[in-house]
Amino acid sequence: MDENDNSDGIVNRYWVELVELKVMIYYHIHLRRWDNFWDILTKIIPAIAASAGIAAWIVDNNYGYYWAIIIVLAHLVSAIQHLFPFEIRRNKTFELAFELSKIYLMLEKDWERIMVGILTREDISKILFDAKKKIIAIEHKLLPAIIIPQYKFLTRAAIKDAEKYFPARYSDTQ
C-alpha cells in the first residue's frame, strides 16, 4: 500500500473523531445554557419567595411561623448557591468549549490536507494522537474534580447541531 494512500480506516477514524469532537463542543455549550437556566432559577425563586413571604406576613400575621420558614429557606438557598454543581461547572464548561473549538479548528484544517492526499497515514495518526493529548490536558486543567453529567436530552441536541453543521460544510465528504 502506498504511504500516501489515505483510503483505509485511518481517514474514517479521523472523520469520526472530528464529528465526535464537534458533538462534544456542542454538548458543553448546551450544558452551559442548562446550567445558566438553573443559576437564574435559583436566584429568582428565593427572591420571589422571600419577598412574598414578607408581604404575606405583613398582610396575615396569623401564619408568621410559616412565612418565617419560607424566608429562611429562600436565604439559605441564596447562601449555598455557589456550592451547587451547576454553579461550580458553569464557567468551566464555557471555557472548555472554547478550548475544544480551537483544537477542532486545527483538526478541520488538517482534514482538508487529508482529503487532497497530502498527509500520510502516519501523519494522520500523529495528528489524532496529539489532539487527544491536548483534549485530555484541557479537561484535566479545567475540570480537575468536576464531574460532567451526561444528560441524554443535551446529547441529542448536540448531535442534532452537528448533523446540521457537517452537511452544510462537507457535502462532498463522508
Protein backbone atom coordinates (compact mmCIF):
# COMPACT_ATOMS: atom_id res chain seq x y z
CA MET A 1 0.00 0.00 0.00
CA ASP A 2 1.31 3.43 -0.95
CA GLU A 3 2.34 5.59 2.01
CA ASN A 4 0.05 8.39 0.80
CA ASP A 5 -2.92 6.08 0.27
CA ASN A 6 -5.48 7.54 2.68
CA SER A 7 -8.35 5.28 1.65
CA ASP A 8 -8.03 2.99 4.67
CA GLY A 9 -9.61 3.16 8.10
CA ILE A 10 -7.41 5.97 9.42
CA VAL A 11 -9.29 8.54 7.32
CA ASN A 12 -12.62 7.20 8.58
CA ARG A 13 -11.28 7.25 12.14
CA TYR A 14 -10.19 10.86 11.67
CA TRP A 15 -13.66 11.80 10.40
CA VAL A 16 -15.32 10.08 13.36
CA GLU A 17 -13.01 11.90 15.79
CA LEU A 18 -13.78 15.20 14.06
CA VAL A 19 -17.53 14.63 14.37
CA GLU A 20 -17.29 13.42 17.98
CA LEU A 21 -15.27 16.48 18.96
CA LYS A 22 -17.85 18.77 17.40
CA VAL A 23 -20.62 16.96 19.28
CA MET A 24 -18.60 17.34 22.49
CA ILE A 25 -18.27 21.08 21.89
CA TYR A 26 -21.99 21.44 21.25
CA TYR A 27 -22.74 19.37 24.36
CA HIS A 28 -20.70 21.72 26.56
CA ILE A 29 -22.40 24.73 25.00
CA HIS A 30 -25.82 23.21 25.74
CA LEU A 31 -24.72 22.24 29.25
CA ARG A 32 -23.66 25.83 29.89
CA ARG A 33 -27.11 27.04 28.79
CA TRP A 34 -28.77 24.45 31.04
CA ASP A 35 -26.58 25.48 33.97
CA ASN A 36 -27.39 29.15 33.30
CA PHE A 37 -31.10 28.30 33.43
CA TRP A 38 -30.66 26.72 36.87
CA ASP A 39 -28.47 29.59 38.03
CA ILE A 40 -31.15 32.13 37.13
CA LEU A 41 -33.86 29.95 38.65
CA THR A 42 -32.03 29.60 41.97
CA LYS A 43 -31.66 33.38 42.13
CA ILE A 44 -35.18 34.33 41.12
CA ILE A 45 -37.19 31.81 43.17
CA PRO A 46 -35.58 32.65 46.54
CA ALA A 47 -36.00 36.38 45.85
CA ILE A 48 -39.67 35.93 44.98
CA ALA A 49 -40.23 33.57 47.91
CA ALA A 50 -38.59 35.93 50.41
CA SER A 51 -40.49 38.95 49.08
CA ALA A 52 -43.78 37.08 49.00
CA GLY A 53 -43.15 35.72 52.50
CA ILE A 54 -42.52 39.18 53.91
CA ALA A 55 -45.58 40.60 52.13
CA ALA A 56 -47.78 37.72 53.31
CA TRP A 57 -46.51 38.10 56.86
CA ILE A 58 -47.48 41.76 56.83
CA VAL A 59 -50.94 41.00 55.43
CA ASP A 60 -51.66 37.98 57.63
CA ASN A 61 -49.67 37.73 60.84
CA ASN A 62 -51.52 34.54 61.90
CA TYR A 63 -49.10 32.38 59.93
CA GLY A 64 -45.91 34.22 60.83
CA TYR A 65 -44.08 31.00 61.65
CA TYR A 66 -44.69 29.62 58.14
CA TRP A 67 -43.69 32.87 56.46
CA ALA A 68 -40.51 32.94 58.53
CA ILE A 69 -39.63 29.40 57.41
CA ILE A 70 -40.15 30.38 53.75
CA ILE A 71 -37.93 33.44 54.18
CA VAL A 72 -35.20 31.42 55.93
CA LEU A 73 -35.26 28.74 53.22
CA ALA A 74 -35.04 31.39 50.50
CA HIS A 75 -32.00 32.94 52.17
CA LEU A 76 -30.46 29.52 52.72
CA VAL A 77 -30.71 28.71 49.01
CA SER A 78 -29.10 32.06 48.20
CA ALA A 79 -26.32 31.46 50.72
CA ILE A 80 -25.36 28.00 49.45
CA GLN A 81 -25.97 28.60 45.73
CA HIS A 82 -22.24 28.77 45.00
CA LEU A 83 -21.98 25.13 46.15
CA PHE A 84 -24.48 23.77 43.63
CA PRO A 85 -22.84 21.60 40.93
CA PHE A 86 -24.18 23.69 38.06
CA GLU A 87 -22.73 26.83 39.60
CA ILE A 88 -19.30 25.25 40.01
CA ARG A 89 -19.05 23.96 36.43
CA ARG A 90 -20.88 26.82 34.66
CA ASN A 91 -17.87 28.92 33.67
CA LYS A 92 -15.61 25.91 33.24
CA THR A 93 -17.84 24.34 30.59
CA PHE A 94 -17.80 27.58 28.61
CA GLU A 95 -14.01 27.72 28.79
CA LEU A 96 -13.78 24.04 27.86
CA ALA A 97 -15.99 24.52 24.78
CA PHE A 98 -13.78 27.42 23.70
CA GLU A 99 -10.55 25.43 24.11
CA LEU A 100 -12.02 22.38 22.35
CA SER A 101 -13.13 24.64 19.49
CA LYS A 102 -9.53 25.70 18.96
CA ILE A 103 -8.48 22.04 18.68
CA TYR A 104 -11.40 21.39 16.36
CA LEU A 105 -10.29 24.17 14.04
CA MET A 106 -6.82 22.64 13.82
CA LEU A 107 -8.32 19.25 13.00
CA GLU A 108 -10.66 20.79 10.45
CA LYS A 109 -7.72 22.48 8.73
CA ASP A 110 -5.87 19.15 8.60
CA TRP A 111 -8.98 17.43 7.22
CA GLU A 112 -8.59 19.48 4.07
CA ARG A 113 -5.00 18.28 3.78
CA ILE A 114 -6.13 14.68 4.28
CA MET A 115 -8.76 14.93 1.57
CA VAL A 116 -6.26 16.12 -1.03
CA GLY A 117 -3.85 13.35 -0.03
CA ILE A 118 -1.04 15.50 1.36
CA LEU A 119 -0.86 13.67 4.70
CA THR A 120 0.34 10.12 5.18
CA ARG A 121 -1.31 7.57 7.46
CA GLU A 122 1.49 8.19 9.95
CA ASP A 123 0.85 11.97 9.82
CA ILE A 124 -2.86 11.44 10.39
CA SER A 125 -2.24 9.11 13.30
CA LYS A 126 0.12 11.62 14.90
CA ILE A 127 -2.38 14.46 14.46
CA LEU A 128 -5.10 12.40 16.15
CA PHE A 129 -2.80 11.38 18.98
CA ASP A 130 -1.67 14.97 19.59
CA ALA A 131 -5.27 16.22 19.54
CA LYS A 132 -6.34 13.61 22.10
CA LYS A 133 -3.42 14.57 24.34
CA LYS A 134 -4.47 18.24 24.15
CA ILE A 135 -8.09 17.38 24.92
CA ILE A 136 -7.10 15.34 27.96
CA ALA A 137 -4.79 18.11 29.19
CA ILE A 138 -7.50 20.76 28.78
CA GLU A 139 -10.11 18.62 30.56
CA HIS A 140 -7.67 17.95 33.39
CA LYS A 141 -6.80 21.63 33.69
CA LEU A 142 -10.34 22.99 33.56
CA LEU A 143 -12.28 20.16 35.20
CA PRO A 144 -9.90 18.51 37.66
CA ALA A 145 -12.56 17.46 40.16
CA ILE A 146 -15.75 18.30 38.31
CA ILE A 147 -17.96 15.52 37.03
CA ILE A 148 -19.74 16.44 33.83
CA PRO A 149 -23.22 14.92 33.80
CA GLN A 150 -24.34 13.14 30.67
CA TYR A 151 -27.87 14.35 30.03
CA LYS A 152 -29.49 12.48 27.16
CA PHE A 153 -31.56 15.47 26.06
CA LEU A 154 -28.42 17.62 25.80
CA THR A 155 -26.59 14.85 23.92
CA ARG A 156 -29.47 14.62 21.45
CA ALA A 157 -29.38 18.40 20.98
CA ALA A 158 -25.61 18.33 20.42
CA ILE A 159 -25.91 15.52 17.86
CA LYS A 160 -28.69 17.41 16.09
CA ASP A 161 -26.50 20.53 15.91
CA ALA A 162 -23.60 18.51 14.49
CA GLU A 163 -25.93 16.91 11.94
CA LYS A 164 -26.81 20.40 10.75
CA TYR A 165 -23.20 21.60 10.82
CA PHE A 166 -21.45 18.95 8.74
CA PRO A 167 -23.67 18.62 5.66
CA ALA A 168 -23.56 22.39 5.18
CA ARG A 169 -19.75 22.36 5.13
CA TYR A 170 -18.79 18.90 3.91
CA SER A 171 -21.44 17.81 1.44
CA ASP A 172 -18.73 16.24 -0.73
CA THR A 173 -17.17 14.07 2.01
CA GLN A 174 -18.26 11.19 4.19
